[in-house]
Amino acid sequence: MKNLKAGIALSLIGALAFATPAAAYIGPGVGLGVIATIFGAIGAFFMLIAGLLWYPIKAMLRKKREKNEKAAPDAGASLSAAADKSENSPS
């Protein structure tokens, strides 16, 4: 096992020592495609986080609002009625 690890390490070092640079041309289309892919992946990640956080929070706020509306269903009506009484009362 020890000899196997040493052999693999020596093989990798040898491959890196004798590697020649690639004489390849990457045109602007491929470069822009790579950049667009990177931005798309980053955007997808943030949308995933937003979806995982926002929708449960939104549901919680909706339930809280519905609970408050059921607790005091005529709160808005009583406020508008009180405002109407104060406008109609003689000063």
N, C-alpha and C. Protein backbone atom coordinates (compact mmCIF):
# COMPACT_ATOMS: atom_id res chain seq x y z
N MET A 1 0.83 -1.19 0.00
CA MET A 1 0.00 0.00 0.00
C MET A 1 0.87 1.25 0.00
N LYS A 2 1.93 1.21 0.77
CA LYS A 2 2.83 2.35 0.85
C LYS A 2 3.53 2.55 -0.50
N ASN A 3 3.92 1.44 -1.15
CA ASN A 3 4.57 1.54 -2.45
C ASN A 3 3.61 2.04 -3.52
N LEU A 4 2.34 1.68 -3.39
CA LEU A 4 1.34 2.13 -4.36
C LEU A 4 1.17 3.65 -4.28
N LYS A 5 1.06 4.19 -3.06
CA LYS A 5 0.92 5.64 -2.89
C LYS A 5 2.14 6.37 -3.41
N ALA A 6 3.34 5.82 -3.13
CA ALA A 6 4.57 6.45 -3.61
C ALA A 6 4.63 6.42 -5.13
N GLY A 7 4.20 5.31 -5.73
CA GLY A 7 4.20 5.19 -7.19
C GLY A 7 3.24 6.17 -7.83
N ILE A 8 2.07 6.34 -7.24
CA ILE A 8 1.08 7.29 -7.77
C ILE A 8 1.61 8.71 -7.65
N ALA A 9 2.22 9.03 -6.51
CA ALA A 9 2.76 10.37 -6.30
C ALA A 9 3.87 10.66 -7.29
N LEU A 10 4.76 9.70 -7.51
CA LEU A 10 5.85 9.91 -8.47
C LEU A 10 5.31 10.03 -9.89
N SER A 11 4.29 9.28 -10.22
CA SER A 11 3.68 9.37 -11.55
C SER A 11 3.07 10.75 -11.78
N LEU A 12 2.37 11.27 -10.77
CA LEU A 12 1.76 12.59 -10.90
C LEU A 12 2.83 13.68 -11.03
N ILE A 13 3.88 13.58 -10.23
CA ILE A 13 4.96 14.56 -10.31
C ILE A 13 5.62 14.51 -11.69
N GLY A 14 5.84 13.31 -12.18
CA GLY A 14 6.44 13.16 -13.51
C GLY A 14 5.54 13.72 -14.60
N ALA A 15 4.26 13.46 -14.51
CA ALA A 15 3.33 13.96 -15.52
C ALA A 15 3.27 15.48 -15.50
N LEU A 16 3.33 16.07 -14.32
CA LEU A 16 3.31 17.53 -14.23
C LEU A 16 4.62 18.14 -14.70
N ALA A 17 5.72 17.46 -14.45
CA ALA A 17 7.03 17.99 -14.84
C ALA A 17 7.21 17.98 -16.35
N PHE A 18 6.65 17.01 -17.02
CA PHE A 18 6.85 16.88 -18.46
C PHE A 18 5.65 17.34 -19.28
N ALA A 19 4.68 17.95 -18.64
CA ALA A 19 3.50 18.42 -19.37
C ALA A 19 3.86 19.65 -20.20
N THR A 20 3.36 19.69 -21.40
CA THR A 20 3.58 20.85 -22.27
C THR A 20 2.32 21.69 -22.29
N PRO A 21 2.47 22.98 -22.46
CA PRO A 21 1.27 23.82 -22.50
C PRO A 21 0.44 23.54 -23.76
N ALA A 22 -0.84 23.66 -23.64
CA ALA A 22 -1.72 23.42 -24.78
C ALA A 22 -1.68 24.62 -25.71
N ALA A 23 -1.53 24.38 -26.97
CA ALA A 23 -1.53 25.45 -27.96
C ALA A 23 -2.94 25.53 -28.54
N ALA A 24 -3.84 26.01 -27.72
CA ALA A 24 -5.24 26.06 -28.12
C ALA A 24 -5.75 27.49 -28.04
N TYR A 25 -6.71 27.80 -28.87
CA TYR A 25 -7.31 29.12 -28.89
C TYR A 25 -8.77 28.99 -28.45
N ILE A 26 -9.11 29.79 -27.47
CA ILE A 26 -10.51 29.85 -27.05
C ILE A 26 -11.04 31.17 -27.54
N GLY A 27 -11.98 31.11 -28.44
CA GLY A 27 -12.55 32.32 -29.03
C GLY A 27 -13.44 33.07 -28.07
N PRO A 28 -13.86 34.27 -28.45
CA PRO A 28 -14.69 35.08 -27.56
C PRO A 28 -16.07 34.45 -27.30
N GLY A 29 -16.57 33.68 -28.23
CA GLY A 29 -17.88 33.05 -28.03
C GLY A 29 -17.85 32.04 -26.90
N VAL A 30 -16.80 31.24 -26.85
CA VAL A 30 -16.69 30.24 -25.78
C VAL A 30 -16.44 30.94 -24.44
N GLY A 31 -15.61 31.97 -24.46
CA GLY A 31 -15.32 32.71 -23.23
C GLY A 31 -16.58 33.36 -22.66
N LEU A 32 -17.37 33.99 -23.53
CA LEU A 32 -18.61 34.61 -23.07
C LEU A 32 -19.62 33.56 -22.61
N GLY A 33 -19.60 32.40 -23.26
CA GLY A 33 -20.49 31.32 -22.83
C GLY A 33 -20.13 30.83 -21.44
N VAL A 34 -18.84 30.73 -21.17
CA VAL A 34 -18.39 30.31 -19.84
C VAL A 34 -18.79 31.35 -18.79
N ILE A 35 -18.59 32.62 -19.12
CA ILE A 35 -18.97 33.69 -18.18
C ILE A 35 -20.48 33.66 -17.93
N ALA A 36 -21.28 33.50 -18.97
CA ALA A 36 -22.74 33.44 -18.81
C ALA A 36 -23.15 32.24 -17.97
N THR A 37 -22.47 31.12 -18.16
CA THR A 37 -22.79 29.94 -17.37
C THR A 37 -22.47 30.16 -15.90
N ILE A 38 -21.34 30.81 -15.64
CA ILE A 38 -20.97 31.08 -14.25
C ILE A 38 -21.98 32.01 -13.60
N PHE A 39 -22.35 33.09 -14.31
CA PHE A 39 -23.35 34.01 -13.75
C PHE A 39 -24.70 33.32 -13.57
N GLY A 40 -25.06 32.46 -14.49
CA GLY A 40 -26.31 31.72 -14.36
C GLY A 40 -26.31 30.80 -13.16
N ALA A 41 -25.19 30.13 -12.93
CA ALA A 41 -25.09 29.23 -11.77
C ALA A 41 -25.15 30.02 -10.47
N ILE A 42 -24.48 31.17 -10.43
CA ILE A 42 -24.53 32.01 -9.22
C ILE A 42 -25.95 32.53 -9.00
N GLY A 43 -26.60 32.98 -10.07
CA GLY A 43 -27.98 33.46 -9.94
C GLY A 43 -28.93 32.36 -9.49
N ALA A 44 -28.75 31.16 -10.03
CA ALA A 44 -29.59 30.03 -9.62
C ALA A 44 -29.39 29.70 -8.15
N PHE A 45 -28.15 29.80 -7.69
CA PHE A 45 -27.87 29.53 -6.27
C PHE A 45 -28.60 30.53 -5.38
N PHE A 46 -28.52 31.82 -5.73
CA PHE A 46 -29.18 32.83 -4.90
C PHE A 46 -30.69 32.71 -4.98
N MET A 47 -31.23 32.32 -6.13
CA MET A 47 -32.67 32.13 -6.22
C MET A 47 -33.11 30.92 -5.40
N LEU A 48 -32.25 29.90 -5.35
CA LEU A 48 -32.54 28.74 -4.50
C LEU A 48 -32.60 29.15 -3.04
N ILE A 49 -31.62 29.93 -2.61
CA ILE A 49 -31.60 30.40 -1.22
C ILE A 49 -32.83 31.27 -0.95
N ALA A 50 -33.15 32.15 -1.87
CA ALA A 50 -34.32 33.02 -1.69
C ALA A 50 -35.59 32.19 -1.62
N GLY A 51 -35.70 31.17 -2.45
CA GLY A 51 -36.89 30.32 -2.42
C GLY A 51 -36.99 29.53 -1.13
N LEU A 52 -35.86 29.05 -0.66
CA LEU A 52 -35.89 28.26 0.57
C LEU A 52 -36.17 29.12 1.79
N LEU A 53 -35.81 30.40 1.74
CA LEU A 53 -36.04 31.28 2.89
C LEU A 53 -37.33 32.09 2.76
N TRP A 54 -37.59 32.64 1.57
CA TRP A 54 -38.70 33.58 1.44
C TRP A 54 -40.06 32.92 1.54
N TYR A 55 -40.27 31.81 0.87
CA TYR A 55 -41.61 31.22 0.85
C TYR A 55 -42.07 30.72 2.23
N PRO A 56 -41.23 30.11 3.04
CA PRO A 56 -41.70 29.78 4.40
C PRO A 56 -41.99 31.03 5.24
N ILE A 57 -41.18 32.07 5.08
CA ILE A 57 -41.44 33.31 5.81
C ILE A 57 -42.74 33.93 5.34
N LYS A 58 -42.98 33.91 4.03
CA LYS A 58 -44.20 34.46 3.47
C LYS A 58 -45.43 33.69 3.98
N ALA A 59 -45.33 32.38 4.03
CA ALA A 59 -46.44 31.58 4.54
C ALA A 59 -46.69 31.87 6.02
N MET A 60 -45.62 32.03 6.78
CA MET A 60 -45.76 32.34 8.21
C MET A 60 -46.43 33.70 8.40
N LEU A 61 -46.03 34.69 7.62
CA LEU A 61 -46.65 36.01 7.73
C LEU A 61 -48.11 35.98 7.32
N ARG A 62 -48.44 35.19 6.29
CA ARG A 62 -49.82 35.07 5.84
C ARG A 62 -50.68 34.44 6.94
N LYS A 63 -50.16 33.38 7.57
CA LYS A 63 -50.92 32.74 8.64
C LYS A 63 -51.13 33.69 9.82
N LYS A 64 -50.08 34.47 10.13
CA LYS A 64 -50.19 35.42 11.24
C LYS A 64 -51.22 36.50 10.92
N ARG A 65 -51.23 36.98 9.65
CA ARG A 65 -52.17 38.01 9.25
C ARG A 65 -53.60 37.47 9.28
N GLU A 66 -53.78 36.23 8.80
CA GLU A 66 -55.11 35.63 8.82
C GLU A 66 -55.58 35.40 10.25
N LYS A 67 -54.69 35.04 11.14
CA LYS A 67 -55.04 34.84 12.54
C LYS A 67 -55.47 36.17 13.16
N ASN A 68 -54.75 37.24 12.85
CA ASN A 68 -55.11 38.56 13.38
C ASN A 68 -56.44 39.03 12.82
N GLU A 69 -56.72 38.74 11.54
CA GLU A 69 -57.99 39.14 10.96
C GLU A 69 -59.16 38.37 11.57
N LYS A 70 -58.94 37.10 11.91
CA LYS A 70 -60.00 36.31 12.55
C LYS A 70 -60.23 36.77 13.98
N ALA A 71 -59.18 37.21 14.66
CA ALA A 71 -59.31 37.65 16.05
C ALA A 71 -60.10 38.94 16.14
N ALA A 72 -59.89 39.86 15.21
CA ALA A 72 -60.60 41.13 15.22
C ALA A 72 -61.12 41.42 13.81
N PRO A 73 -62.20 40.74 13.40
CA PRO A 73 -62.67 40.93 12.02
C PRO A 73 -63.28 42.30 11.76
N ASP A 74 -63.84 42.95 12.79
CA ASP A 74 -64.50 44.24 12.60
C ASP A 74 -63.63 45.39 13.07
N ALA A 75 -62.35 45.17 13.24
CA ALA A 75 -61.48 46.24 13.72
C ALA A 75 -61.44 47.39 12.72
N GLY A 76 -61.33 47.08 11.46
CA GLY A 76 -61.32 48.13 10.43
C GLY A 76 -62.65 48.83 10.33
N ALA A 77 -63.73 48.08 10.45
CA ALA A 77 -65.06 48.67 10.36
C ALA A 77 -65.32 49.57 11.56
N SER A 78 -64.89 49.16 12.75
CA SER A 78 -65.14 49.98 13.93
C SER A 78 -64.31 51.26 13.88
N LEU A 79 -63.12 51.19 13.30
CA LEU A 79 -62.31 52.40 13.17
C LEU A 79 -62.95 53.38 12.20
N SER A 80 -63.47 52.87 11.09
CA SER A 80 -64.10 53.76 10.13
C SER A 80 -65.41 54.32 10.70
N ALA A 81 -66.13 53.52 11.48
CA ALA A 81 -67.37 54.00 12.10
C ALA A 81 -67.04 55.10 13.12
N ALA A 82 -65.97 54.93 13.88
CA ALA A 82 -65.58 55.93 14.86
C ALA A 82 -65.17 57.23 14.15
N ALA A 83 -64.52 57.10 13.02
CA ALA A 83 -64.13 58.29 12.26
C ALA A 83 -65.36 59.01 11.71
N ASP A 84 -66.35 58.24 11.27
CA ASP A 84 -67.58 58.85 10.76
C ASP A 84 -68.32 59.58 11.87
N LYS A 85 -68.35 58.99 13.07
CA LYS A 85 -69.04 59.64 14.19
C LYS A 85 -68.37 60.95 14.56
N SER A 86 -67.03 60.95 14.54
CA SER A 86 -66.34 62.18 14.92
C SER A 86 -66.52 63.27 13.87
N GLU A 87 -66.70 62.90 12.61
CA GLU A 87 -66.92 63.90 11.56
C GLU A 87 -68.34 64.47 11.65
N ASN A 88 -69.29 63.64 12.05
CA ASN A 88 -70.69 64.07 12.09
C ASN A 88 -71.07 64.75 13.39
N SER A 89 -70.25 64.64 14.42
CA SER A 89 -70.62 65.22 15.71
C SER A 89 -70.45 66.75 15.66
N PRO A 90 -71.38 67.46 16.28
CA PRO A 90 -71.29 68.92 16.28
C PRO A 90 -70.15 69.39 17.19
N SER A 91 -69.46 70.42 16.75
CA SER A 91 -68.35 70.94 17.54
C SER A 91 -68.72 72.22 18.23
